[in-house]
C-alpha atoms as a PDB file:
ATOM      1  CA  MET A   1     -12.726 -10.900  10.167  1.00  0.00           C
ATOM      2  CA  LYS A   2      -9.759 -13.134   9.324  1.00  0.00           C
ATOM      3  CA  ASN A   3      -6.655 -13.323  11.413  1.00  0.00           C
ATOM      4  CA  PHE A   4      -3.238 -14.701  10.556  1.00  0.00           C
ATOM      5  CA  THR A   5       0.058 -14.890  12.390  1.00  0.00           C
ATOM      6  CA  VAL A   6       3.349 -14.748  10.299  1.00  0.00           C
ATOM      7  CA  THR A   7       5.529 -17.720  10.576  1.00  0.00           C
ATOM      8  CA  ASP A   8       9.099 -18.541   9.535  1.00  0.00           C
ATOM      9  CA  THR A   9       7.686 -19.675   6.302  1.00  0.00           C
ATOM     10  CA  HIS A  10       6.411 -16.243   5.475  1.00  0.00           C
ATOM     11  CA  THR A  11       8.831 -13.893   7.012  1.00  0.00           C
ATOM     12  CA  ASP A  12      10.073 -11.084   4.809  1.00  0.00           C
ATOM     13  CA  HIS A  13       7.160 -11.868   2.425  1.00  0.00           C
ATOM     14  CA  ARG A  14       5.347  -8.862   0.927  1.00  0.00           C
ATOM     15  CA  LEU A  15       1.835  -8.334   2.403  1.00  0.00           C
ATOM     16  CA  ASP A  16      -0.034  -8.620  -0.711  1.00  0.00           C
ATOM     17  CA  LYS A  17       1.503 -11.787  -1.814  1.00  0.00           C
ATOM     18  CA  PHE A  18       1.207 -13.346   1.632  1.00  0.00           C
ATOM     19  CA  LEU A  19      -2.634 -12.736   1.608  1.00  0.00           C
ATOM     20  CA  THR A  20      -3.025 -13.922  -1.743  1.00  0.00           C
ATOM     21  CA  GLU A  21      -1.753 -17.019  -0.735  1.00  0.00           C
ATOM     22  CA  MET A  22      -3.691 -17.404   2.650  1.00  0.00           C
ATOM     23  CA  THR A  23      -7.053 -16.183   1.205  1.00  0.00           C
ATOM     24  CA  GLY A  24      -7.094 -17.398  -2.522  1.00  0.00           C
ATOM     25  CA  GLN A  25      -8.204 -13.859  -3.548  1.00  0.00           C
ATOM     26  CA  THR A  26      -6.442 -12.237  -6.501  1.00  0.00           C
ATOM     27  CA  ARG A  27      -3.606  -9.607  -5.728  1.00  0.00           C
ATOM     28  CA  SER A  28      -5.511  -6.961  -7.171  1.00  0.00           C
ATOM     29  CA  HIS A  29      -8.496  -7.503  -4.898  1.00  0.00           C
ATOM     30  CA  ILE A  30      -6.062  -7.922  -1.850  1.00  0.00           C
ATOM     31  CA  GLN A  31      -4.349  -4.655  -2.987  1.00  0.00           C
ATOM     32  CA  ARG A  32      -7.676  -2.933  -3.155  1.00  0.00           C
ATOM     33  CA  GLN A  33      -8.705  -3.872   0.297  1.00  0.00           C
ATOM     34  CA  ILE A  34      -5.290  -2.715   1.739  1.00  0.00           C
ATOM     35  CA  LYS A  35      -5.930   0.653   0.039  1.00  0.00           C
ATOM     36  CA  PHE A  36      -9.376   0.792   1.482  1.00  0.00           C
ATOM     37  CA  GLY A  37      -7.808   0.282   5.059  1.00  0.00           C
ATOM     38  CA  GLN A  38      -9.465  -3.251   5.566  1.00  0.00           C
ATOM     39  CA  VAL A  39      -6.059  -4.743   6.396  1.00  0.00           C
ATOM     40  CA  LEU A  40      -4.141  -4.399   9.594  1.00  0.00           C
ATOM     41  CA  VAL A  41      -0.807  -5.228  10.591  1.00  0.00           C
ATOM     42  CA  ASN A  42      -0.290  -5.322  14.467  1.00  0.00           C
ATOM     43  CA  GLY A  43      -3.321  -3.198  14.769  1.00  0.00           C
ATOM     44  CA  LYS A  44      -2.146  -0.587  12.233  1.00  0.00           C
ATOM     45  CA  LYS A  45      -3.412   0.288   8.765  1.00  0.00           C
ATOM     46  CA  ALA A  46      -1.141  -1.603   6.343  1.00  0.00           C
ATOM     47  CA  ARG A  47       0.627  -0.608   3.156  1.00  0.00           C
ATOM     48  CA  VAL A  48       0.468  -2.356  -0.112  1.00  0.00           C
ATOM     49  CA  HIS A  49       4.178  -2.887  -0.353  1.00  0.00           C
ATOM     50  CA  GLU A  50       4.830  -3.687   3.152  1.00  0.00           C
ATOM     51  CA  PHE A  51       7.029  -6.690   4.072  1.00  0.00           C
ATOM     52  CA  LEU A  52       6.153  -8.996   6.929  1.00  0.00           C
ATOM     53  CA  LYS A  53       8.179  -9.803  10.117  1.00  0.00           C
ATOM     54  CA  LEU A  54       8.061 -13.148  12.288  1.00  0.00           C
ATOM     55  CA  ASN A  55       5.026 -13.149  14.489  1.00  0.00           C
ATOM     56  CA  ASP A  56       3.222 -10.168  12.808  1.00  0.00           C
ATOM     57  CA  LYS A  57      -0.555 -10.249  13.274  1.00  0.00           C
ATOM     58  CA  VAL A  58      -2.366  -9.532  10.064  1.00  0.00           C
ATOM     59  CA  GLU A  59      -6.251  -8.863  10.130  1.00  0.00           C
ATOM     60  CA  VAL A  60      -8.441  -8.835   7.233  1.00  0.00           C
ATOM     61  CA  SER A  61     -12.036  -7.291   7.615  1.00  0.00           C
ATOM     62  CA  ALA A  62     -14.921  -8.309   5.450  1.00  0.00           C
ATOM     63  CA  GLU A  63     -15.101  -5.889   2.513  1.00  0.00           C
ATOM     64  CA  SER A  64     -17.786  -3.191   3.147  1.00  0.00           C
ATOM     65  CA  LYS A  65     -20.664  -3.911   0.761  1.00  0.00           C
ATOM     66  CA  VAL A  66     -21.309  -0.057   0.897  1.00  0.00           C
ATOM     67  CA  GLN A  67     -17.543   0.671   0.044  1.00  0.00           C
ATOM     68  CA  SER A  68     -17.569  -1.829  -2.724  1.00  0.00           C
ATOM     69  CA  GLN A  69     -20.798  -0.396  -4.275  1.00  0.00           C
ATOM     70  CA  LYS A  70     -19.401   3.196  -3.793  1.00  0.00           C
ATOM     71  CA  SER A  71     -16.095   2.006  -5.647  1.00  0.00           C
ATOM     72  CA  LYS A  72     -17.999   0.501  -8.433  1.00  0.00           C
ATOM     73  CA  VAL A  73     -20.202   3.674  -8.950  1.00  0.00           C
ATOM     74  CA  LYS A  74     -17.154   5.901  -8.807  1.00  0.00           C
ATOM     75  CA  GLY A  75     -15.335   3.612 -11.321  1.00  0.00           C
ATOM     76  CA  ALA A  76     -18.411   3.677 -13.703  1.00  0.00           C
ATOM     77  CA  GLU A  77     -18.740   7.256 -13.540  1.00  0.00           C
ATOM     78  CA  GLN A  78     -15.055   7.754 -14.256  1.00  0.00           C
ATOM     79  CA  ASN A  79     -15.276   5.320 -17.225  1.00  0.00           C
ATOM     80  CA  SER A  80     -18.309   7.115 -18.639  1.00  0.00           C
ATOM     81  CA  LYS A  81     -16.338  10.517 -18.403  1.00  0.00           C
ATOM     82  CA  ASN A  82     -13.293   8.947 -20.150  1.00  0.00           C
ATOM     83  CA  LYS A  83     -15.369   7.505 -22.941  1.00  0.00           C
ATOM     84  CA  SER A  84     -17.215  10.765 -23.361  1.00  0.00           C
ATOM     85  CA  LEU A  85     -13.670  12.460 -23.458  1.00  0.00           C
ATOM     86  CA  ILE A  86     -12.258  10.243 -25.959  1.00  0.00           C
ATOM     87  CA  SER A  87     -15.346  10.420 -27.986  1.00  0.00           C
ATOM     88  CA  ARG A  88     -15.038  14.225 -28.281  1.00  0.00           C
ATOM     89  CA  PHE A  89     -11.477  13.853 -29.718  1.00  0.00           C
ATOM     90  CA  LYS A  90     -12.003  10.753 -31.821  1.00  0.00           C
ATOM     91  CA  LYS A  91     -10.552  12.495 -34.818  1.00  0.00           C
ATOM     92  CA  VAL A  92      -7.261  12.925 -32.831  1.00  0.00           C
ATOM     93  CA  LEU A  93      -7.318   9.522 -31.445  1.00  0.00           C
ATOM     94  CA  GLY A  94      -8.479   7.719 -34.595  1.00  0.00           C
ATOM     95  CA  LYS A  95      -5.769   9.211 -36.758  1.00  0.00           C
ATOM     96  CA  ILE A  96      -4.491   6.923 -39.503  1.00  0.00           C
ATOM     97  CA  PRO A  97      -0.938   6.047 -39.294  1.00  0.00           C
ATOM     98  CA  ARG A  98       1.053   7.869 -41.995  1.00  0.00           C
ATOM     99  CA  ALA A  99       1.013   5.456 -45.028  1.00  0.00           C
ATOM    100  CA  ASP A 100       4.364   6.764 -46.273  1.00  0.00           C
ATOM    101  CA  VAL A 101       6.325   5.880 -43.017  1.00  0.00           C
ATOM    102  CA  THR A 102       8.744   3.056 -43.321  1.00  0.00           C
ATOM    103  CA  LEU A 103      11.375   2.682 -40.577  1.00  0.00           C
ATOM    104  CA  PRO A 104      14.892   1.682 -41.705  1.00  0.00           C
ATOM    105  CA  LYS A 105      16.133  -1.545 -40.088  1.00  0.00           C
ATOM    106  CA  HIS A 106      18.380   0.170 -37.504  1.00  0.00           C
ATOM    107  CA  LEU A 107      15.386   2.138 -36.173  1.00  0.00           C
ATOM    108  CA  THR A 108      12.963  -0.841 -35.958  1.00  0.00           C
ATOM    109  CA  PRO A 109      11.918  -1.914 -32.553  1.00  0.00           C
ATOM    110  CA  THR A 110      12.308  -5.410 -31.163  1.00  0.00           C
ATOM    111  CA  VAL A 111       9.418  -7.129 -29.591  1.00  0.00           C
ATOM    112  CA  ILE A 112      10.633  -8.718 -26.245  1.00  0.00           C
ATOM    113  CA  PHE A 113       7.210  -9.819 -24.871  1.00  0.00           C
ATOM    114  CA  LYS A 114       3.706  -9.606 -26.204  1.00  0.00           C
ATOM    115  CA  CYS A 115       0.235 -10.495 -24.630  1.00  0.00           C
ATOM    116  CA  ASP A 116      -3.263  -9.177 -25.218  1.00  0.00           C
ATOM    117  CA  GLU A 117      -3.010  -6.227 -23.121  1.00  0.00           C
ATOM    118  CA  TYR A 118       0.538  -4.868 -23.318  1.00  0.00           C
ATOM    119  CA  LEU A 119       3.741  -5.038 -25.345  1.00  0.00           C
ATOM    120  CA  VAL A 120       7.335  -4.765 -24.116  1.00  0.00           C
ATOM    121  CA  ILE A 121       9.754  -3.547 -26.700  1.00  0.00           C
ATOM    122  CA  GLU A 122      13.291  -2.662 -27.176  1.00  0.00           C
ATOM    123  CA  LYS A 123      13.427   1.034 -28.674  1.00  0.00           C
ATOM    124  CA  PRO A 124      16.578   1.627 -30.783  1.00  0.00           C
ATOM    125  CA  ALA A 125      18.662   4.758 -30.223  1.00  0.00           C
ATOM    126  CA  GLY A 126      17.516   7.491 -32.925  1.00  0.00           C
ATOM    127  CA  LEU A 127      13.920   6.556 -32.966  1.00  0.00           C
ATOM    128  CA  LEU A 128      11.535   9.308 -31.684  1.00  0.00           C
ATOM    129  CA  VAL A 129       8.609   8.067 -29.596  1.00  0.00           C
ATOM    130  CA  HIS A 130       5.924  10.262 -31.024  1.00  0.00           C
ATOM    131  CA  GLU A 131       5.506  13.543 -32.954  1.00  0.00           C
ATOM    132  CA  THR A 132       6.375  16.890 -31.457  1.00  0.00           C
ATOM    133  CA  LYS A 133       5.707  20.382 -32.330  1.00  0.00           C
ATOM    134  CA  ILE A 134       9.102  20.795 -34.043  1.00  0.00           C
ATOM    135  CA  SER A 135       9.512  17.259 -35.380  1.00  0.00           C
ATOM    136  CA  LYS A 136       7.332  15.314 -37.970  1.00  0.00           C
ATOM    137  CA  GLU A 137       9.954  12.461 -38.537  1.00  0.00           C
ATOM    138  CA  PRO A 138       8.840   8.774 -38.403  1.00  0.00           C
ATOM    139  CA  THR A 139       8.107   7.684 -34.904  1.00  0.00           C
ATOM    140  CA  LEU A 140       7.568   4.627 -32.680  1.00  0.00           C
ATOM    141  CA  VAL A 141       3.827   5.609 -32.766  1.00  0.00           C
ATOM    142  CA  ASP A 142       3.612   5.224 -36.442  1.00  0.00           C
ATOM    143  CA  TRP A 143       5.395   1.844 -36.221  1.00  0.00           C
ATOM    144  CA  LEU A 144       3.142   0.569 -33.403  1.00  0.00           C
ATOM    145  CA  THR A 145      -0.239   1.770 -34.970  1.00  0.00           C
ATOM    146  CA  LYS A 146       0.716  -0.003 -38.264  1.00  0.00           C
ATOM    147  CA  LYS A 147       1.793  -3.283 -36.482  1.00  0.00           C
ATOM    148  CA  PHE A 148      -0.881  -3.331 -33.805  1.00  0.00           C
ATOM    149  CA  PRO A 149      -3.793  -1.201 -35.108  1.00  0.00           C
ATOM    150  CA  GLU A 150      -5.872  -1.619 -31.855  1.00  0.00           C
ATOM    151  CA  ILE A 151      -3.389   0.658 -30.259  1.00  0.00           C
ATOM    152  CA  ALA A 152      -4.588   3.830 -32.307  1.00  0.00           C
ATOM    153  CA  LYS A 153      -7.876   3.863 -30.439  1.00  0.00           C
ATOM    154  CA  LEU A 154      -6.224   4.392 -26.981  1.00  0.00           C
ATOM    155  CA  ALA A 155      -5.976   7.708 -25.247  1.00  0.00           C
ATOM    156  CA  ASP A 156      -4.248   9.527 -22.341  1.00  0.00           C
ATOM    157  CA  THR A 157      -7.451  11.115 -20.893  1.00  0.00           C
ATOM    158  CA  GLU A 158      -5.404  13.103 -18.382  1.00  0.00           C
ATOM    159  CA  SER A 159      -3.655  14.769 -21.379  1.00  0.00           C
ATOM    160  CA  LEU A 160      -6.831  15.406 -23.154  1.00  0.00           C
ATOM    161  CA  ARG A 161      -8.317  17.174 -20.125  1.00  0.00           C
ATOM    162  CA  ARG A 162      -5.269  19.445 -20.018  1.00  0.00           C
ATOM    163  CA  GLY A 163      -5.912  20.158 -23.863  1.00  0.00           C
ATOM    164  CA  ASP A 164      -2.797  18.260 -25.010  1.00  0.00           C
ATOM    165  CA  HIS A 165      -3.966  16.414 -28.121  1.00  0.00           C
ATOM    166  CA  THR A 166      -0.759  14.747 -29.030  1.00  0.00           C
ATOM    167  CA  HIS A 167      -1.183  11.584 -30.701  1.00  0.00           C
ATOM    168  CA  ARG A 168       0.597   9.140 -28.501  1.00  0.00           C
ATOM    169  CA  PRO A 169      -1.782   5.844 -28.164  1.00  0.00           C
ATOM    170  CA  GLY A 170      -0.436   3.215 -25.785  1.00  0.00           C
ATOM    171  CA  ILE A 171       2.504   5.259 -24.660  1.00  0.00           C
ATOM    172  CA  VAL A 172       2.538   5.155 -20.994  1.00  0.00           C
ATOM    173  CA  HIS A 173       6.323   6.502 -20.647  1.00  0.00           C
ATOM    174  CA  ARG A 174       8.939   7.796 -23.021  1.00  0.00           C
ATOM    175  CA  LEU A 175      12.467   7.389 -23.738  1.00  0.00           C
ATOM    176  CA  ASP A 176      14.599  10.260 -25.448  1.00  0.00           C
ATOM    177  CA  ARG A 177      15.059   9.734 -29.066  1.00  0.00           C
ATOM    178  CA  GLU A 178      18.680   9.245 -28.472  1.00  0.00           C
ATOM    179  CA  VAL A 179      18.295   6.591 -25.734  1.00  0.00           C
ATOM    180  CA  ALA A 180      17.830   2.904 -26.451  1.00  0.00           C
ATOM    181  CA  GLY A 181      16.227   0.515 -24.118  1.00  0.00           C
ATOM    182  CA  VAL A 182      13.073  -1.303 -22.564  1.00  0.00           C
ATOM    183  CA  MET A 183       9.600   0.282 -22.897  1.00  0.00           C
ATOM    184  CA  ILE A 184       6.234  -0.990 -22.076  1.00  0.00           C
ATOM    185  CA  VAL A 185       3.315  -0.230 -24.384  1.00  0.00           C
ATOM    186  CA  ALA A 186      -0.412  -0.610 -23.532  1.00  0.00           C
ATOM    187  CA  ARG A 187      -2.603  -2.582 -26.011  1.00  0.00           C
ATOM    188  CA  THR A 188      -6.071  -1.874 -24.300  1.00  0.00           C
ATOM    189  CA  GLN A 189      -7.455   1.116 -22.546  1.00  0.00           C
ATOM    190  CA  SER A 190      -7.740  -0.646 -19.168  1.00  0.00           C
ATOM    191  CA  ALA A 191      -3.946  -1.734 -19.411  1.00  0.00           C
ATOM    192  CA  PHE A 192      -3.140   1.807 -20.332  1.00  0.00           C
ATOM    193  CA  ASP A 193      -4.940   3.397 -17.190  1.00  0.00           C
ATOM    194  CA  HIS A 194      -3.340   0.612 -14.992  1.00  0.00           C
ATOM    195  CA  LEU A 195       0.255   1.093 -16.215  1.00  0.00           C
ATOM    196  CA  LYS A 196      -0.010   5.007 -16.483  1.00  0.00           C
ATOM    197  CA  GLN A 197      -1.188   5.055 -12.663  1.00  0.00           C
ATOM    198  CA  GLN A 198       1.878   3.007 -11.627  1.00  0.00           C
ATOM    199  CA  PHE A 199       4.324   5.424 -13.388  1.00  0.00           C
ATOM    200  CA  LYS A 200       2.387   8.366 -11.823  1.00  0.00           C
ATOM    201  CA  ASP A 201       2.551   6.781  -8.385  1.00  0.00           C
ATOM    202  CA  HIS A 202       6.512   5.979  -8.829  1.00  0.00           C
ATOM    203  CA  LYS A 203       5.707   2.214  -8.492  1.00  0.00           C
ATOM    204  CA  VAL A 204       7.658   1.276 -11.560  1.00  0.00           C
ATOM    205  CA  THR A 205      11.340   0.478 -11.169  1.00  0.00           C
ATOM    206  CA  LYS A 206      13.404   1.862 -14.139  1.00  0.00           C
ATOM    207  CA  GLU A 207      17.177   0.913 -14.274  1.00  0.00           C
ATOM    208  CA  TYR A 208      19.573   2.532 -16.584  1.00  0.00           C
ATOM    209  CA  VAL A 209      23.117   2.424 -17.329  1.00  0.00           C
ATOM    210  CA  ALA A 210      25.352   5.299 -18.347  1.00  0.00           C
ATOM    211  CA  LEU A 211      28.863   6.336 -19.078  1.00  0.00           C
ATOM    212  CA  VAL A 212      29.739   9.707 -17.648  1.00  0.00           C
ATOM    213  CA  TYR A 213      32.665  11.992 -17.841  1.00  0.00           C
ATOM    214  CA  GLY A 214      35.050  12.429 -14.942  1.00  0.00           C
ATOM    215  CA  ASP A 215      36.011  10.870 -11.697  1.00  0.00           C
ATOM    216  CA  ILE A 216      33.002  10.517  -9.388  1.00  0.00           C
ATOM    217  CA  SER A 217      34.027  10.868  -5.796  1.00  0.00           C
ATOM    218  CA  GLN A 218      31.255   8.765  -4.504  1.00  0.00           C
ATOM    219  CA  ASP A 219      30.540   5.005  -4.998  1.00  0.00           C
ATOM    220  CA  GLU A 220      26.983   5.727  -4.864  1.00  0.00           C
ATOM    221  CA  GLY A 221      24.696   8.729  -4.129  1.00  0.00           C
ATOM    222  CA  SER A 222      21.549  10.927  -5.082  1.00  0.00           C
ATOM    223  CA  ILE A 223      21.068  13.824  -7.239  1.00  0.00           C
ATOM    224  CA  ASN A 224      18.210  15.986  -6.198  1.00  0.00           C
ATOM    225  CA  PHE A 225      18.353  19.101  -8.491  1.00  0.00           C
ATOM    226  CA  GLU A 226      15.030  20.510  -9.341  1.00  0.00           C
ATOM    227  CA  ILE A 227      14.405  20.647 -13.177  1.00  0.00           C
ATOM    228  CA  SER A 228      12.586  23.110 -15.246  1.00  0.00           C
ATOM    229  CA  ARG A 229      12.059  23.814 -18.948  1.00  0.00           C
ATOM    230  CA  LYS A 230      14.905  26.203 -20.354  1.00  0.00           C
ATOM    231  CA  THR A 231      13.622  26.741 -23.958  1.00  0.00           C
ATOM    232  CA  ASP A 232      10.553  25.801 -25.961  1.00  0.00           C
ATOM    233  CA  LYS A 233      12.761  23.443 -27.887  1.00  0.00           C
ATOM    234  CA  GLY A 234      12.673  20.974 -24.968  1.00  0.00           C
ATOM    235  CA  ILE A 235      16.124  21.827 -23.436  1.00  0.00           C
ATOM    236  CA  MET A 236      15.844  21.462 -19.595  1.00  0.00           C
ATOM    237  CA  ALA A 237      17.840  23.264 -16.673  1.00  0.00           C
ATOM    238  CA  ALA A 238      18.725  22.237 -13.280  1.00  0.00           C
ATOM    239  CA  HIS A 239      18.250  24.215 -10.114  1.00  0.00           C
ATOM    240  CA  PRO A 240      19.320  23.666  -6.534  1.00  0.00           C
ATOM    241  CA  PHE A 241      16.999  21.485  -4.177  1.00  0.00           C
ATOM    242  CA  ASN A 242      14.197  23.573  -2.600  1.00  0.00           C
ATOM    243  CA  SER A 243      15.069  26.546  -4.924  1.00  0.00           C
ATOM    244  CA  GLY A 244      11.341  26.518  -6.239  1.00  0.00           C
ATOM    245  CA  LYS A 245      12.547  27.270  -9.583  1.00  0.00           C
ATOM    246  CA  GLY A 246      11.712  23.802 -11.083  1.00  0.00           C
ATOM    247  CA  ARG A 247       9.895  20.439 -10.379  1.00  0.00           C
ATOM    248  CA  PRO A 248      11.482  18.038  -7.829  1.00  0.00           C
ATOM    249  CA  ALA A 249      13.636  15.478  -9.378  1.00  0.00           C
ATOM    250  CA  MET A 250      15.441  12.483  -7.790  1.00  0.00           C
ATOM    251  CA  THR A 251      18.230  10.352  -9.540  1.00  0.00           C
ATOM    252  CA  LYS A 252      19.919   7.581  -7.697  1.00  0.00           C
ATOM    253  CA  PHE A 253      23.126   6.152  -8.828  1.00  0.00           C
ATOM    254  CA  GLU A 254      25.807   3.469  -8.206  1.00  0.00           C
ATOM    255  CA  VAL A 255      29.413   3.427  -9.799  1.00  0.00           C
ATOM    256  CA  THR A 256      29.829   0.108 -11.137  1.00  0.00           C
ATOM    257  CA  GLN A 257      33.307   0.523 -12.914  1.00  0.00           C
ATOM    258  CA  ARG A 258      35.891   3.167 -13.033  1.00  0.00           C
ATOM    259  CA  PHE A 259      38.049   4.215 -15.942  1.00  0.00           C
ATOM    260  CA  THR A 260      40.597   7.116 -16.514  1.00  0.00           C
ATOM    261  CA  ASN A 261      38.258  10.194 -16.670  1.00  0.00           C
ATOM    262  CA  ALA A 262      35.081   8.143 -16.733  1.00  0.00           C
ATOM    263  CA  ALA A 263      32.830   5.983 -14.943  1.00  0.00           C
ATOM    264  CA  LEU A 264      30.092   3.511 -15.521  1.00  0.00           C
ATOM    265  CA  VAL A 265      27.059   4.012 -13.529  1.00  0.00           C
ATOM    266  CA  LYS A 266      23.871   2.135 -12.613  1.00  0.00           C
ATOM    267  CA  ILE A 267      20.885   4.473 -12.323  1.00  0.00           C
ATOM    268  CA  LYS A 268      17.405   4.192 -10.751  1.00  0.00           C
ATOM    269  CA  LEU A 269      14.994   7.156 -11.245  1.00  0.00           C
ATOM    270  CA  GLU A 270      12.526   8.084  -8.451  1.00  0.00           C
ATOM    271  CA  THR A 271      11.037  10.705 -10.751  1.00  0.00           C
ATOM    272  CA  GLY A 272      10.422  10.686 -14.488  1.00  0.00           C
ATOM    273  CA  ARG A 273      11.436  14.419 -15.683  1.00  0.00           C
ATOM    274  CA  THR A 274      12.126  15.170 -19.376  1.00  0.00           C
ATOM    275  CA  ASN A 275      15.913  14.536 -19.915  1.00  0.00           C
ATOM    276  CA  GLN A 276      16.270  13.886 -16.132  1.00  0.00           C
ATOM    277  CA  ILE A 277      19.374  11.625 -16.253  1.00  0.00           C
ATOM    278  CA  ARG A 278      21.264  13.884 -18.866  1.00  0.00           C
ATOM    279  CA  VAL A 279      20.253  17.046 -16.924  1.00  0.00           C
ATOM    280  CA  HIS A 280      21.254  15.817 -13.478  1.00  0.00           C
ATOM    281  CA  PHE A 281      24.629  14.265 -14.282  1.00  0.00           C
ATOM    282  CA  ASN A 282      25.606  17.445 -16.303  1.00  0.00           C
ATOM    283  CA  ALA A 283      24.669  19.522 -13.197  1.00  0.00           C
ATOM    284  CA  LEU A 284      26.873  17.109 -11.183  1.00  0.00           C
ATOM    285  CA  ASN A 285      29.677  18.050 -13.627  1.00  0.00           C
ATOM    286  CA  HIS A 286      29.644  14.530 -15.043  1.00  0.00           C
ATOM    287  CA  PRO A 287      28.085  14.899 -18.343  1.00  0.00           C
ATOM    288  CA  LEU A 288      27.092  11.670 -20.377  1.00  0.00           C
ATOM    289  CA  VAL A 289      29.584  10.600 -22.935  1.00  0.00           C
ATOM    290  CA  GLY A 290      27.941  11.302 -26.338  1.00  0.00           C
ATOM    291  CA  ASP A 291      25.597  13.892 -25.266  1.00  0.00           C
ATOM    292  CA  LYS A 292      25.648  16.681 -27.754  1.00  0.00           C
ATOM    293  CA  VAL A 293      22.924  18.860 -25.741  1.00  0.00           C
ATOM    294  CA  TYR A 294      24.145  18.669 -22.102  1.00  0.00           C
ATOM    295  CA  LYS A 295      27.826  18.761 -22.434  1.00  0.00           C
ATOM    296  CA  GLN A 296      30.766  20.583 -21.069  1.00  0.00           C
ATOM    297  CA  ASN A 297      33.803  22.180 -22.853  1.00  0.00           C
ATOM    298  CA  LYS A 298      36.431  20.738 -20.436  1.00  0.00           C
ATOM    299  CA  PHE A 299      35.449  17.338 -21.754  1.00  0.00           C
ATOM    300  CA  SER A 300      35.620  18.308 -25.593  1.00  0.00           C
ATOM    301  CA  ASN A 301      39.138  17.145 -26.255  1.00  0.00           C
ATOM    302  CA  SER A 302      38.690  13.834 -24.259  1.00  0.00           C
ATOM    303  CA  SER A 303      39.700  10.619 -26.148  1.00  0.00           C
ATOM    304  CA  ILE A 304      36.487   9.043 -24.848  1.00  0.00           C
ATOM    305  CA  LYS A 305      33.867   9.732 -27.577  1.00  0.00           C
ATOM    306  CA  SER A 306      30.759   8.316 -29.053  1.00  0.00           C
ATOM    307  CA  ASP A 307      28.328   9.254 -31.750  1.00  0.00           C
ATOM    308  CA  ASN A 308      25.406   8.015 -29.441  1.00  0.00           C
ATOM    309  CA  ILE A 309      24.548   9.059 -26.037  1.00  0.00           C
ATOM    310  CA  LEU A 310      25.954   6.180 -23.708  1.00  0.00           C
ATOM    311  CA  LEU A 311      22.615   5.827 -21.756  1.00  0.00           C
ATOM    312  CA  PHE A 312      20.730   2.657 -21.883  1.00  0.00           C
ATOM    313  CA  ALA A 313      17.323   1.677 -20.285  1.00  0.00           C
ATOM    314  CA  ARG A 314      18.283  -1.747 -19.166  1.00  0.00           C
ATOM    315  CA  GLU A 315      15.386  -2.970 -16.927  1.00  0.00           C
ATOM    316  CA  LEU A 316      11.796  -2.197 -16.251  1.00  0.00           C
ATOM    317  CA  LYS A 317       9.761  -3.681 -13.248  1.00  0.00           C
ATOM    318  CA  PHE A 318       5.982  -3.249 -12.969  1.00  0.00           C
ATOM    319  CA  VAL A 319       2.865  -4.948 -11.924  1.00  0.00           C
ATOM    320  CA  ASP A 320       0.934  -6.272 -14.938  1.00  0.00           C
ATOM    321  CA  PRO A 321      -3.008  -5.792 -15.060  1.00  0.00           C
ATOM    322  CA  ASN A 322      -3.442  -9.371 -13.716  1.00  0.00           C
ATOM    323  CA  GLY A 323      -1.626  -8.187 -10.500  1.00  0.00           C
ATOM    324  CA  GLU A 324       1.699 -10.021 -11.300  1.00  0.00           C
ATOM    325  CA  GLU A 325       5.194  -8.626 -10.865  1.00  0.00           C
ATOM    326  CA  LYS A 326       6.916  -8.589 -14.126  1.00  0.00           C
ATOM    327  CA  THR A 327      10.612  -7.771 -14.988  1.00  0.00           C
ATOM    328  CA  PHE A 328      12.001  -7.201 -18.526  1.00  0.00           C
ATOM    329  CA  SER A 329      15.565  -6.334 -19.473  1.00  0.00           C
ATOM    330  CA  ALA A 330      17.453  -6.052 -22.777  1.00  0.00           C
ATOM    331  CA  GLU A 331      21.246  -6.582 -23.661  1.00  0.00           C
ATOM    332  CA  MET A 332      23.402  -3.365 -23.842  1.00  0.00           C
ATOM    333  CA  PRO A 333      23.508  -1.902 -27.530  1.00  0.00           C
ATOM    334  CA  LYS A 334      26.680  -2.696 -29.525  1.00  0.00           C
ATOM    335  CA  TYR A 335      27.925   0.932 -29.858  1.00  0.00           C
ATOM    336  CA  PHE A 336      27.770   1.054 -26.200  1.00  0.00           C
ATOM    337  CA  THR A 337      29.864  -2.106 -25.613  1.00  0.00           C
ATOM    338  CA  ALA A 338      32.282  -1.160 -28.327  1.00  0.00           C
ATOM    339  CA  VAL A 339      33.308   2.091 -26.158  1.00  0.00           C
ATOM    340  CA  LEU A 340      33.621   0.040 -23.023  1.00  0.00           C
ATOM    341  CA  ASN A 341      35.759  -2.496 -24.656  1.00  0.00           C
ATOM    342  CA  LYS A 342      38.251   0.129 -25.747  1.00  0.00           C
ATOM    343  CA  LEU A 343      38.334   1.505 -22.249  1.00  0.00           C
ATOM    344  CA  GLN A 344      39.097  -1.870 -20.700  1.00  0.00           C
ATOM    345  CA  LYS A 345      42.280  -2.459 -22.991  1.00  0.00           C
END
């Protein structure tokens, strides 16, 4: 058992960072101990993202050999199942990228960061992430598997278990075709599983910027309409909270600038439903400028127009496979700034 008392030096520090410094263990190891209930703060089981206060008492018990062995056995069993699953669908996963696909310059992604385990890219507006049942156009996956061929061997084992054999190697999250912004792409299976789990647990912070129609009465707020699939063509519908007609969805926003009949908003997603931002703001009667699907007739004659949806995935925060917190961002697209410049004149 190790005991620590929080001093002024570490007040407001995050628990896992504090213990990494105090014990010399890796963040991933510390986080695993916290999840197994082997870390107490003031006598109570701690949380991974807990922040410390002055004079907090932190206790770390020795890791149980039995628990450690169980964890290793469970992990080995899961890895074996995943490998078996991937092997069963190797024809799907080993698909050779389409040789005839060449992306035009305006649809070619920009690599923001690259390491052995993952990439961070800026996806341009107009580029589809992966093939769908109704579209066979050139995709981000085509570009990725040509430029980084090792990605073609990766698989989303959860999707395979559901019988979904869509070829999307390395893709741990998506952006709509019409939306530009920051994306992370896995390069190894272990990185894929690590990052996918963070998205599943809602631990990745995604910040967007959008220009919406109308005068939003609040300076900040939350939208919690449920979302369901309206048609088989990917169009979604919003329903009142607790209606039971769709899946729960939460969008937080803050108005950063107001214009005549429009507002620039900063958005953070608590969930990741299909078309969530577009559906939510349309349901709030403030559709996104440039959205040709989720729109309202009362804004059709507005002088504020754009050929592109004015929605941009500006920033992404996550914990990488080494346990380090990472933040990546991109500059707003020129078509977006051009509209803002006109509004500011």
